[in-house]
């Protein structure tokens, strides 16, 4: 399958990178609490770590193609909740094998589950959501504007 041909993407050329929240560190720390390691990591270091952890021989992941975003909306709830951080591989826009993807729906980027289906000789994509309040639909592959595959997420624990 070939990725969708786009004349000009509807989102910015570089999606904003969202860094994980920094730990709250008081202005003055006792010396015994000073860690022997760096407290902060750059976004690129985090992307490299994610890429290294998730790369397989069948699906290599380039750290330069990873973007971090904060989930908005409840389309994938309870699987992915609003406020959860997600890692998106912008280089993987092929919905086979099925999985979670970031797509452009004409108004905004949306996280959904995509599955490639051959229907009457036409390549189609089943777009579905974890939240039963949202209906699934079949969309021609050529009309499905896929931004990238979701390769990781960080959930809120509180």
Protein backbone atom coordinates (compact mmCIF):
# COMPACT_ATOMS: atom_id res chain seq x y z
CA UNK A 1 0.00 0.00 0.00
CA UNK A 2 1.17 3.46 -0.80
CA UNK A 3 0.58 6.38 1.57
CA UNK A 4 -2.08 8.87 0.53
CA UNK A 5 -0.82 11.41 -2.01
CA UNK A 6 -1.17 14.89 -0.57
CA UNK A 7 -0.70 18.13 -2.42
CA UNK A 8 -0.34 20.09 0.79
CA UNK A 9 -0.93 18.66 4.24
CA UNK A 10 -3.70 20.32 6.25
CA UNK A 11 -1.51 20.40 9.36
CA UNK A 12 1.75 22.27 9.89
CA UNK A 13 4.83 20.73 8.25
CA UNK A 14 6.18 19.95 11.70
CA UNK A 15 3.60 18.98 14.28
CA UNK A 16 4.36 20.54 17.64
CA UNK A 17 6.55 18.44 19.88
CA UNK A 18 5.27 18.11 23.41
CA UNK A 19 7.83 17.36 26.07
CA UNK A 20 6.83 15.22 29.02
CA UNK A 21 6.28 17.33 32.12
CA UNK A 22 9.44 18.13 34.05
CA UNK A 23 9.59 16.99 37.65
CA UNK A 24 8.83 19.73 40.14
CA UNK A 25 12.13 20.59 41.78
CA UNK A 26 12.26 23.05 44.67
CA UNK A 27 14.64 25.99 44.27
CA UNK A 28 16.82 24.68 47.04
CA UNK A 29 17.51 21.00 47.54
CA UNK A 30 19.53 19.31 50.25
CA UNK A 31 22.73 17.91 48.77
CA UNK A 32 21.83 14.35 49.66
CA UNK A 33 18.82 14.52 47.27
CA UNK A 34 20.85 15.71 44.30
CA UNK A 35 20.70 12.88 41.77
CA UNK A 36 23.83 11.76 39.92
CA UNK A 37 21.95 11.95 36.59
CA UNK A 38 20.28 14.63 34.48
CA UNK A 39 16.70 15.39 35.51
CA UNK A 40 15.59 16.66 32.12
CA UNK A 41 15.77 15.02 28.70
CA UNK A 42 15.35 16.75 25.40
CA UNK A 43 12.45 15.75 23.22
CA UNK A 44 14.83 14.23 20.65
CA UNK A 45 16.44 12.04 23.32
CA UNK A 46 12.99 10.84 24.33
CA UNK A 47 12.06 10.18 20.69
CA UNK A 48 15.27 8.15 20.25
CA UNK A 49 14.48 6.13 23.36
CA UNK A 50 10.92 5.43 22.12
CA UNK A 51 12.21 4.48 18.66
CA UNK A 52 14.87 2.16 20.11
CA UNK A 53 12.32 0.42 22.35
CA UNK A 54 9.70 -0.11 19.63
CA UNK A 55 11.81 -0.83 16.53
CA UNK A 56 11.47 -4.31 15.08
CA UNK A 57 13.11 -5.76 11.95
CA UNK A 58 9.72 -5.58 10.17
CA UNK A 59 8.92 -2.04 11.35
CA UNK A 60 11.95 0.16 11.94
CA UNK A 61 11.19 3.52 13.55
CA UNK A 62 13.21 6.65 12.82
CA UNK A 63 13.46 8.91 15.87
CA UNK A 64 13.28 12.00 13.61
CA UNK A 65 9.74 10.96 12.56
CA UNK A 66 8.39 10.70 16.14
CA UNK A 67 6.17 13.51 17.46
CA UNK A 68 4.63 13.77 20.91
CA UNK A 69 1.13 15.10 21.38
CA UNK A 70 -1.44 15.41 24.13
CA UNK A 71 -4.72 13.58 23.54
CA UNK A 72 -7.78 15.81 23.35
CA UNK A 73 -11.32 14.54 23.18
CA UNK A 74 -12.83 11.22 24.15
CA UNK A 75 -12.96 9.37 20.81
CA UNK A 76 -10.62 6.63 22.07
CA UNK A 77 -11.77 6.58 25.71
CA UNK A 78 -11.32 4.61 27.87
CA UNK A 79 -8.32 3.21 25.92
CA UNK A 80 -6.67 6.63 25.54
CA UNK A 81 -8.06 9.38 27.75
CA UNK A 82 -7.93 13.17 27.32
CA UNK A 83 -4.62 14.42 28.72
CA UNK A 84 -2.69 11.21 27.94
CA UNK A 85 0.52 11.78 25.95
CA UNK A 86 0.92 9.89 22.67
CA UNK A 87 3.90 9.25 20.41
CA UNK A 88 3.13 9.37 16.67
CA UNK A 89 5.38 7.89 13.96
CA UNK A 90 4.80 10.27 11.02
CA UNK A 91 6.72 7.95 8.68
CA UNK A 92 4.20 5.08 9.06
CA UNK A 93 0.98 6.05 7.25
CA UNK A 94 0.00 2.59 5.98
CA UNK A 95 -3.02 1.05 7.75
CA UNK A 96 -1.73 -2.50 7.44
CA UNK A 97 -1.42 -4.08 9.93
CA UNK A 98 -4.41 -2.49 11.66
CA UNK A 99 -3.72 -0.18 14.56
CA UNK A 100 -4.18 3.23 16.11
CA UNK A 101 -3.48 6.18 13.83
CA UNK A 102 -3.63 9.95 13.80
CA UNK A 103 -5.78 11.16 10.89
CA UNK A 104 -6.95 14.53 9.62
CA UNK A 105 -10.78 14.55 9.55
CA UNK A 106 -11.10 17.91 7.79
CA UNK A 107 -11.28 19.93 11.01
CA UNK A 108 -8.59 18.54 13.32
CA UNK A 109 -6.26 15.63 13.98
CA UNK A 110 -8.15 12.66 15.41
CA UNK A 111 -6.89 9.40 16.95
CA UNK A 112 -8.76 6.34 15.68
CA UNK A 113 -8.33 2.66 14.86
CA UNK A 114 -7.77 1.95 11.14
CA UNK A 115 -8.11 -1.38 9.36
CA UNK A 116 -7.44 -1.88 5.64
CA UNK A 117 -10.27 -3.71 3.82
CA UNK A 118 -10.63 -4.68 0.15
CA UNK A 119 -14.26 -4.01 -0.78
CA UNK A 120 -15.51 -4.64 -4.33
CA UNK A 121 -11.98 -4.24 -5.66
CA UNK A 122 -11.60 -0.83 -4.02
CA UNK A 123 -9.09 -0.26 -1.20
CA UNK A 124 -11.11 0.90 1.80
CA UNK A 125 -10.27 1.74 5.41
CA UNK A 126 -12.54 0.96 8.35
CA UNK A 127 -12.31 3.93 10.73
CA UNK A 128 -13.44 3.06 14.25
CA UNK A 129 -13.21 4.44 17.76
CA UNK A 130 -12.95 2.85 21.21
CA UNK A 131 -15.75 5.09 22.51
CA UNK A 132 -19.12 3.54 21.52
CA UNK A 133 -20.61 7.05 21.27
CA UNK A 134 -18.75 7.44 17.95
CA UNK A 135 -19.83 5.41 14.91
CA UNK A 136 -17.39 3.56 12.68
CA UNK A 137 -17.37 4.06 8.92
CA UNK A 138 -15.78 2.79 5.73
CA UNK A 139 -13.71 5.38 3.89
CA UNK A 140 -11.89 4.98 0.55
CA UNK A 141 -8.14 4.74 1.22
CA UNK A 142 -7.50 7.63 -1.20
CA UNK A 143 -9.73 9.89 0.94
CA UNK A 144 -8.24 8.87 4.30
CA UNK A 145 -5.65 11.49 5.25
CA UNK A 146 -3.34 9.53 7.58
CA UNK A 147 -0.76 11.57 9.51
CA UNK A 148 0.95 8.65 11.28
CA UNK A 149 0.75 5.54 13.46
CA UNK A 150 0.45 5.77 17.26
CA UNK A 151 3.51 3.94 18.63
CA UNK A 152 3.33 4.81 22.32
CA UNK A 153 1.33 6.45 25.05
CA UNK A 154 1.80 7.69 28.57
CA UNK A 155 -1.25 7.49 30.81
CA UNK A 156 -2.17 9.64 33.75
CA UNK A 157 -2.13 7.77 37.03
CA UNK A 158 -3.97 10.33 39.11
